[in-house]
Amino acid sequence: MATESVTRASRPRPWLLVLFGVVLVTFLWSKMFSGSSTPPAVSTATPRPAGSAPAAGRIDPAELDVKIESLQQTPPPPADSGRNPFRFQPKAPPPSAGPPKPTFTAPPVPTEPPVPQGPPPIGNLIKFIGIVETGRERIGAFSDCRYTFSGRDGEVVEGRFRIVRIGVESAVVEYADGRGRTTLPLNGQACVGK
């Protein structure tokens, strides 16, 4: 029994621990969130000589002199800088003396449309879309996106175009009168989308 009473007496009571914690938190709270209760003292004693160090915590009254006459002066006017740091553009020209004068321009003189120089290119009128090879010759398939025409070397197709030569991947075609010789590439889908 004697050991039980000794262990109980040596162990702190829970309410004492709680009370100690509350006191500690209150003390820390007051130190952290309260300002200094007294401002630093200003000495009204004699001014110290120049070059000497002030005493700890004391301020020389000569250093507190406010030059009120300098506050009475008018400040210089603000400079007109016209600079906008948020835009990258050249500086605007100064405003002109008066409103801009209206300018009148004569209406454009109508001109005649240009006269076409010769017939249109053959590649815009007909497409080479395929080849059929027989044992002796090649027969080309041509289309104007409405009708399909076939022809051999030297024949006239659609009454306007003469086939000069049919190759493996292209055909040489000219107008029936010999103008505008053009090489048309083999294009099996020439009229898709027209």
C-alpha atoms as a PDB file:
ATOM      1  CA  MET A   1       0.000   0.000   0.000  1.00  0.00           C
ATOM      2  CA  ALA A   2       2.858   2.301   0.672  1.00  0.00           C
ATOM      3  CA  THR A   3       4.070   1.979  -2.922  1.00  0.00           C
ATOM      4  CA  GLU A   4       0.653   2.927  -4.289  1.00  0.00           C
ATOM      5  CA  SER A   5       0.546   6.159  -2.310  1.00  0.00           C
ATOM      6  CA  VAL A   6       4.074   7.097  -3.425  1.00  0.00           C
ATOM      7  CA  THR A   7       3.302   6.594  -7.129  1.00  0.00           C
ATOM      8  CA  ARG A   8       0.084   8.592  -6.867  1.00  0.00           C
ATOM      9  CA  ALA A   9       1.813  11.480  -5.129  1.00  0.00           C
ATOM     10  CA  SER A  10       4.708  11.638  -7.623  1.00  0.00           C
ATOM     11  CA  ARG A  11       2.429  11.700 -10.688  1.00  0.00           C
ATOM     12  CA  PRO A  12       1.075  15.205 -11.574  1.00  0.00           C
ATOM     13  CA  ARG A  13      -2.642  15.717 -11.555  1.00  0.00           C
ATOM     14  CA  PRO A  14      -4.336  16.103 -15.002  1.00  0.00           C
ATOM     15  CA  TRP A  15      -6.083  19.354 -14.054  1.00  0.00           C
ATOM     16  CA  LEU A  16      -2.703  20.856 -13.106  1.00  0.00           C
ATOM     17  CA  LEU A  17      -1.325  19.968 -16.556  1.00  0.00           C
ATOM     18  CA  VAL A  18      -4.339  21.558 -18.255  1.00  0.00           C
ATOM     19  CA  LEU A  19      -4.021  24.695 -16.091  1.00  0.00           C
ATOM     20  CA  PHE A  20      -0.297  24.956 -16.874  1.00  0.00           C
ATOM     21  CA  GLY A  21      -1.009  24.602 -20.636  1.00  0.00           C
ATOM     22  CA  VAL A  22      -3.678  27.358 -20.555  1.00  0.00           C
ATOM     23  CA  VAL A  23      -1.346  29.723 -18.702  1.00  0.00           C
ATOM     24  CA  LEU A  24       1.497  29.000 -21.160  1.00  0.00           C
ATOM     25  CA  VAL A  25      -0.707  29.559 -24.231  1.00  0.00           C
ATOM     26  CA  THR A  26      -2.077  32.825 -22.767  1.00  0.00           C
ATOM     27  CA  PHE A  27       1.440  34.102 -22.069  1.00  0.00           C
ATOM     28  CA  LEU A  28       2.670  33.241 -25.577  1.00  0.00           C
ATOM     29  CA  TRP A  29      -0.452  34.779 -27.144  1.00  0.00           C
ATOM     30  CA  SER A  30       0.041  38.047 -25.301  1.00  0.00           C
ATOM     31  CA  LYS A  31       3.723  38.249 -26.323  1.00  0.00           C
ATOM     32  CA  MET A  32       3.123  37.473 -29.964  1.00  0.00           C
ATOM     33  CA  PHE A  33       0.072  39.621 -30.686  1.00  0.00           C
ATOM     34  CA  SER A  34       0.546  42.659 -28.499  1.00  0.00           C
ATOM     35  CA  GLY A  35       2.649  45.577 -29.643  1.00  0.00           C
ATOM     36  CA  SER A  36       5.316  47.190 -27.601  1.00  0.00           C
ATOM     37  CA  SER A  37       3.562  48.822 -24.676  1.00  0.00           C
ATOM     38  CA  THR A  38       5.935  51.788 -24.410  1.00  0.00           C
ATOM     39  CA  PRO A  39       7.514  53.730 -27.251  1.00  0.00           C
ATOM     40  CA  PRO A  40      11.239  54.362 -27.098  1.00  0.00           C
ATOM     41  CA  ALA A  41      12.136  57.329 -24.949  1.00  0.00           C
ATOM     42  CA  VAL A  42      13.233  60.547 -26.628  1.00  0.00           C
ATOM     43  CA  SER A  43      15.824  62.407 -24.731  1.00  0.00           C
ATOM     44  CA  THR A  44      15.509  66.173 -24.491  1.00  0.00           C
ATOM     45  CA  ALA A  45      19.045  66.479 -23.285  1.00  0.00           C
ATOM     46  CA  THR A  46      21.730  68.481 -24.968  1.00  0.00           C
ATOM     47  CA  PRO A  47      22.505  67.544 -28.532  1.00  0.00           C
ATOM     48  CA  ARG A  48      25.485  65.316 -28.943  1.00  0.00           C
ATOM     49  CA  PRO A  49      28.499  66.399 -30.890  1.00  0.00           C
ATOM     50  CA  ALA A  50      28.793  65.464 -34.544  1.00  0.00           C
ATOM     51  CA  GLY A  51      30.465  62.125 -35.167  1.00  0.00           C
ATOM     52  CA  SER A  52      29.604  60.664 -31.785  1.00  0.00           C
ATOM     53  CA  ALA A  53      27.430  57.582 -31.550  1.00  0.00           C
ATOM     54  CA  PRO A  54      23.983  57.928 -29.954  1.00  0.00           C
ATOM     55  CA  ALA A  55      23.254  56.165 -26.718  1.00  0.00           C
ATOM     56  CA  ALA A  56      21.401  52.895 -27.055  1.00  0.00           C
ATOM     57  CA  GLY A  57      17.641  53.477 -27.516  1.00  0.00           C
ATOM     58  CA  ARG A  58      17.921  57.291 -27.648  1.00  0.00           C
ATOM     59  CA  ILE A  59      17.229  59.511 -30.641  1.00  0.00           C
ATOM     60  CA  ASP A  60      18.883  62.867 -31.161  1.00  0.00           C
ATOM     61  CA  PRO A  61      16.280  65.667 -31.382  1.00  0.00           C
ATOM     62  CA  ALA A  62      18.310  67.357 -34.132  1.00  0.00           C
ATOM     63  CA  GLU A  63      17.620  64.388 -36.354  1.00  0.00           C
ATOM     64  CA  LEU A  64      13.887  64.886 -35.855  1.00  0.00           C
ATOM     65  CA  ASP A  65      13.848  68.364 -37.393  1.00  0.00           C
ATOM     66  CA  VAL A  66      11.186  68.603 -40.104  1.00  0.00           C
ATOM     67  CA  LYS A  67      11.963  71.130 -42.788  1.00  0.00           C
ATOM     68  CA  ILE A  68       8.502  72.606 -43.211  1.00  0.00           C
ATOM     69  CA  GLU A  69       9.655  75.305 -45.641  1.00  0.00           C
ATOM     70  CA  SER A  70      10.618  72.605 -48.148  1.00  0.00           C
ATOM     71  CA  LEU A  71       7.068  71.289 -47.988  1.00  0.00           C
ATOM     72  CA  GLN A  72       5.721  74.714 -49.003  1.00  0.00           C
ATOM     73  CA  GLN A  73       7.413  74.648 -52.411  1.00  0.00           C
ATOM     74  CA  THR A  74       5.325  73.750 -55.458  1.00  0.00           C
ATOM     75  CA  PRO A  75       6.302  70.449 -57.031  1.00  0.00           C
ATOM     76  CA  PRO A  76       7.471  70.385 -60.664  1.00  0.00           C
ATOM     77  CA  PRO A  77       4.759  69.544 -63.208  1.00  0.00           C
ATOM     78  CA  PRO A  78       4.629  65.903 -64.331  1.00  0.00           C
ATOM     79  CA  ALA A  79       6.506  65.148 -67.521  1.00  0.00           C
ATOM     80  CA  ASP A  80       4.340  64.320 -70.532  1.00  0.00           C
ATOM     81  CA  SER A  81       5.949  61.060 -71.507  1.00  0.00           C
ATOM     82  CA  GLY A  82       3.282  59.619 -73.816  1.00  0.00           C
ATOM     83  CA  ARG A  83       4.956  56.247 -73.353  1.00  0.00           C
ATOM     84  CA  ASN A  84       2.769  53.223 -72.762  1.00  0.00           C
ATOM     85  CA  PRO A  85       4.841  50.330 -71.408  1.00  0.00           C
ATOM     86  CA  PHE A  86       2.042  47.895 -72.176  1.00  0.00           C
ATOM     87  CA  ARG A  87       1.984  48.525 -75.939  1.00  0.00           C
ATOM     88  CA  PHE A  88       4.630  48.124 -78.576  1.00  0.00           C
ATOM     89  CA  GLN A  89       3.953  50.808 -81.092  1.00  0.00           C
ATOM     90  CA  PRO A  90       5.703  53.896 -82.423  1.00  0.00           C
ATOM     91  CA  LYS A  91       5.104  57.178 -80.677  1.00  0.00           C
ATOM     92  CA  ALA A  92       2.009  58.945 -81.997  1.00  0.00           C
ATOM     93  CA  PRO A  93       2.675  62.058 -84.072  1.00  0.00           C
ATOM     94  CA  PRO A  94       1.772  65.366 -82.433  1.00  0.00           C
ATOM     95  CA  PRO A  95      -1.736  66.597 -83.197  1.00  0.00           C
ATOM     96  CA  SER A  96      -2.049  68.800 -86.273  1.00  0.00           C
ATOM     97  CA  ALA A  97      -3.052  72.437 -86.123  1.00  0.00           C
ATOM     98  CA  GLY A  98      -6.473  71.977 -87.669  1.00  0.00           C
ATOM     99  CA  PRO A  99      -8.925  69.327 -88.786  1.00  0.00           C
ATOM    100  CA  PRO A 100      -7.779  67.234 -91.738  1.00  0.00           C
ATOM    101  CA  LYS A 101      -8.862  68.503 -95.114  1.00  0.00           C
ATOM    102  CA  PRO A 102     -11.067  66.119 -97.078  1.00  0.00           C
ATOM    103  CA  THR A 103      -9.449  64.720-100.175  1.00  0.00           C
ATOM    104  CA  PHE A 104     -11.417  63.813-103.227  1.00  0.00           C
ATOM    105  CA  THR A 105     -10.294  61.193-105.686  1.00  0.00           C
ATOM    106  CA  ALA A 106     -11.717  60.750-109.113  1.00  0.00           C
ATOM    107  CA  PRO A 107     -13.620  57.510-109.668  1.00  0.00           C
ATOM    108  CA  PRO A 108     -11.610  54.918-111.558  1.00  0.00           C
ATOM    109  CA  VAL A 109     -12.001  54.929-115.301  1.00  0.00           C
ATOM    110  CA  PRO A 110     -13.644  51.687-116.439  1.00  0.00           C
ATOM    111  CA  THR A 111     -11.347  49.606-118.575  1.00  0.00           C
ATOM    112  CA  GLU A 112     -12.138  46.806-120.931  1.00  0.00           C
ATOM    113  CA  PRO A 113     -11.390  43.288-119.757  1.00  0.00           C
ATOM    114  CA  PRO A 114      -8.093  41.950-121.068  1.00  0.00           C
ATOM    115  CA  VAL A 115      -8.285  40.145-124.348  1.00  0.00           C
ATOM    116  CA  PRO A 116      -7.335  36.474-123.901  1.00  0.00           C
ATOM    117  CA  GLN A 117      -4.046  35.583-125.556  1.00  0.00           C
ATOM    118  CA  GLY A 118      -4.820  32.432-127.469  1.00  0.00           C
ATOM    119  CA  PRO A 119      -6.880  29.422-126.419  1.00  0.00           C
ATOM    120  CA  PRO A 120      -7.050  28.284-122.776  1.00  0.00           C
ATOM    121  CA  PRO A 121      -4.549  25.648-121.588  1.00  0.00           C
ATOM    122  CA  ILE A 122      -5.489  22.107-122.609  1.00  0.00           C
ATOM    123  CA  GLY A 123      -4.972  20.853-119.040  1.00  0.00           C
ATOM    124  CA  ASN A 124      -7.933  22.972-117.924  1.00  0.00           C
ATOM    125  CA  LEU A 125     -10.243  21.468-120.560  1.00  0.00           C
ATOM    126  CA  ILE A 126      -9.424  17.763-120.731  1.00  0.00           C
ATOM    127  CA  LYS A 127      -7.882  15.166-118.390  1.00  0.00           C
ATOM    128  CA  PHE A 128      -5.947  11.987-119.161  1.00  0.00           C
ATOM    129  CA  ILE A 129      -7.649   9.325-116.997  1.00  0.00           C
ATOM    130  CA  GLY A 130      -6.476   5.934-118.229  1.00  0.00           C
ATOM    131  CA  ILE A 131      -4.680   3.619-120.665  1.00  0.00           C
ATOM    132  CA  VAL A 132      -5.780   0.408-122.373  1.00  0.00           C
ATOM    133  CA  GLU A 133      -2.907  -1.568-123.874  1.00  0.00           C
ATOM    134  CA  THR A 134      -3.576  -3.953-126.678  1.00  0.00           C
ATOM    135  CA  GLY A 135      -0.842  -6.117-128.105  1.00  0.00           C
ATOM    136  CA  ARG A 136       0.083  -3.527-130.757  1.00  0.00           C
ATOM    137  CA  GLU A 137      -0.877  -0.080-129.431  1.00  0.00           C
ATOM    138  CA  ARG A 138      -2.060   2.004-126.513  1.00  0.00           C
ATOM    139  CA  ILE A 139      -5.503   3.554-126.362  1.00  0.00           C
ATOM    140  CA  GLY A 140      -5.894   6.553-124.041  1.00  0.00           C
ATOM    141  CA  ALA A 141      -9.018   7.523-122.125  1.00  0.00           C
ATOM    142  CA  PHE A 142      -9.686  11.257-121.802  1.00  0.00           C
ATOM    143  CA  SER A 143     -12.474  13.144-120.045  1.00  0.00           C
ATOM    144  CA  ASP A 144     -13.794  16.681-119.978  1.00  0.00           C
ATOM    145  CA  CYS A 145     -15.621  15.848-116.698  1.00  0.00           C
ATOM    146  CA  ARG A 146     -18.881  15.309-118.596  1.00  0.00           C
ATOM    147  CA  TYR A 147     -17.990  12.763-121.248  1.00  0.00           C
ATOM    148  CA  THR A 148     -15.212  10.223-121.731  1.00  0.00           C
ATOM    149  CA  PHE A 149     -13.311   9.956-125.036  1.00  0.00           C
ATOM    150  CA  SER A 150     -10.848   7.383-126.281  1.00  0.00           C
ATOM    151  CA  GLY A 151      -8.086   7.861-128.836  1.00  0.00           C
ATOM    152  CA  ARG A 152      -4.826   6.508-130.270  1.00  0.00           C
ATOM    153  CA  ASP A 153      -1.599   8.256-131.277  1.00  0.00           C
ATOM    154  CA  GLY A 154      -2.324  10.804-134.049  1.00  0.00           C
ATOM    155  CA  GLU A 155      -6.157  10.809-133.664  1.00  0.00           C
ATOM    156  CA  VAL A 156      -8.303  13.868-132.972  1.00  0.00           C
ATOM    157  CA  VAL A 157     -10.447  13.633-129.810  1.00  0.00           C
ATOM    158  CA  GLU A 158     -13.674  15.612-129.325  1.00  0.00           C
ATOM    159  CA  GLY A 159     -12.986  17.444-132.571  1.00  0.00           C
ATOM    160  CA  ARG A 160     -10.537  19.850-130.855  1.00  0.00           C
ATOM    161  CA  PHE A 161      -7.546  17.890-129.507  1.00  0.00           C
ATOM    162  CA  ARG A 162      -4.937  15.808-131.350  1.00  0.00           C
ATOM    163  CA  ILE A 163      -3.134  13.050-129.413  1.00  0.00           C
ATOM    164  CA  VAL A 164       0.571  13.306-130.271  1.00  0.00           C
ATOM    165  CA  ARG A 165       1.851  10.422-128.136  1.00  0.00           C
ATOM    166  CA  ILE A 166       0.518   8.198-125.344  1.00  0.00           C
ATOM    167  CA  GLY A 167       3.156   7.163-122.814  1.00  0.00           C
ATOM    168  CA  VAL A 168       3.054   4.936-119.736  1.00  0.00           C
ATOM    169  CA  GLU A 169       2.209   7.732-117.256  1.00  0.00           C
ATOM    170  CA  SER A 170       1.350  10.686-119.498  1.00  0.00           C
ATOM    171  CA  ALA A 171      -0.009  11.759-122.864  1.00  0.00           C
ATOM    172  CA  VAL A 172       1.134  14.606-125.113  1.00  0.00           C
ATOM    173  CA  VAL A 173      -1.882  16.477-126.528  1.00  0.00           C
ATOM    174  CA  GLU A 174      -2.240  19.619-128.677  1.00  0.00           C
ATOM    175  CA  TYR A 175      -5.029  21.544-130.328  1.00  0.00           C
ATOM    176  CA  ALA A 176      -6.107  20.197-133.724  1.00  0.00           C
ATOM    177  CA  ASP A 177      -4.419  23.139-135.475  1.00  0.00           C
ATOM    178  CA  GLY A 178      -1.058  22.376-133.741  1.00  0.00           C
ATOM    179  CA  ARG A 179      -1.038  25.082-131.055  1.00  0.00           C
ATOM    180  CA  GLY A 180      -0.692  24.620-127.274  1.00  0.00           C
ATOM    181  CA  ARG A 181       1.164  21.299-127.019  1.00  0.00           C
ATOM    182  CA  THR A 182       0.802  20.011-123.408  1.00  0.00           C
ATOM    183  CA  THR A 183       1.811  16.896-121.493  1.00  0.00           C
ATOM    184  CA  LEU A 184      -1.104  15.600-119.434  1.00  0.00           C
ATOM    185  CA  PRO A 185      -0.241  13.344-116.477  1.00  0.00           C
ATOM    186  CA  LEU A 186      -2.205  10.144-115.922  1.00  0.00           C
ATOM    187  CA  ASN A 187      -4.777  10.965-113.265  1.00  0.00           C
ATOM    188  CA  GLY A 188      -7.551   8.444-112.743  1.00  0.00           C
ATOM    189  CA  GLN A 189      -9.609  10.768-110.536  1.00  0.00           C
ATOM    190  CA  ALA A 190      -9.312  13.975-112.509  1.00  0.00           C
ATOM    191  CA  CYS A 191     -12.929  15.049-112.250  1.00  0.00           C
ATOM    192  CA  VAL A 192     -13.629  14.246-108.604  1.00  0.00           C
ATOM    193  CA  GLY A 193     -15.099  17.308-106.899  1.00  0.00           C
ATOM    194  CA  LYS A 194     -16.004  19.240-110.075  1.00  0.00           C
END
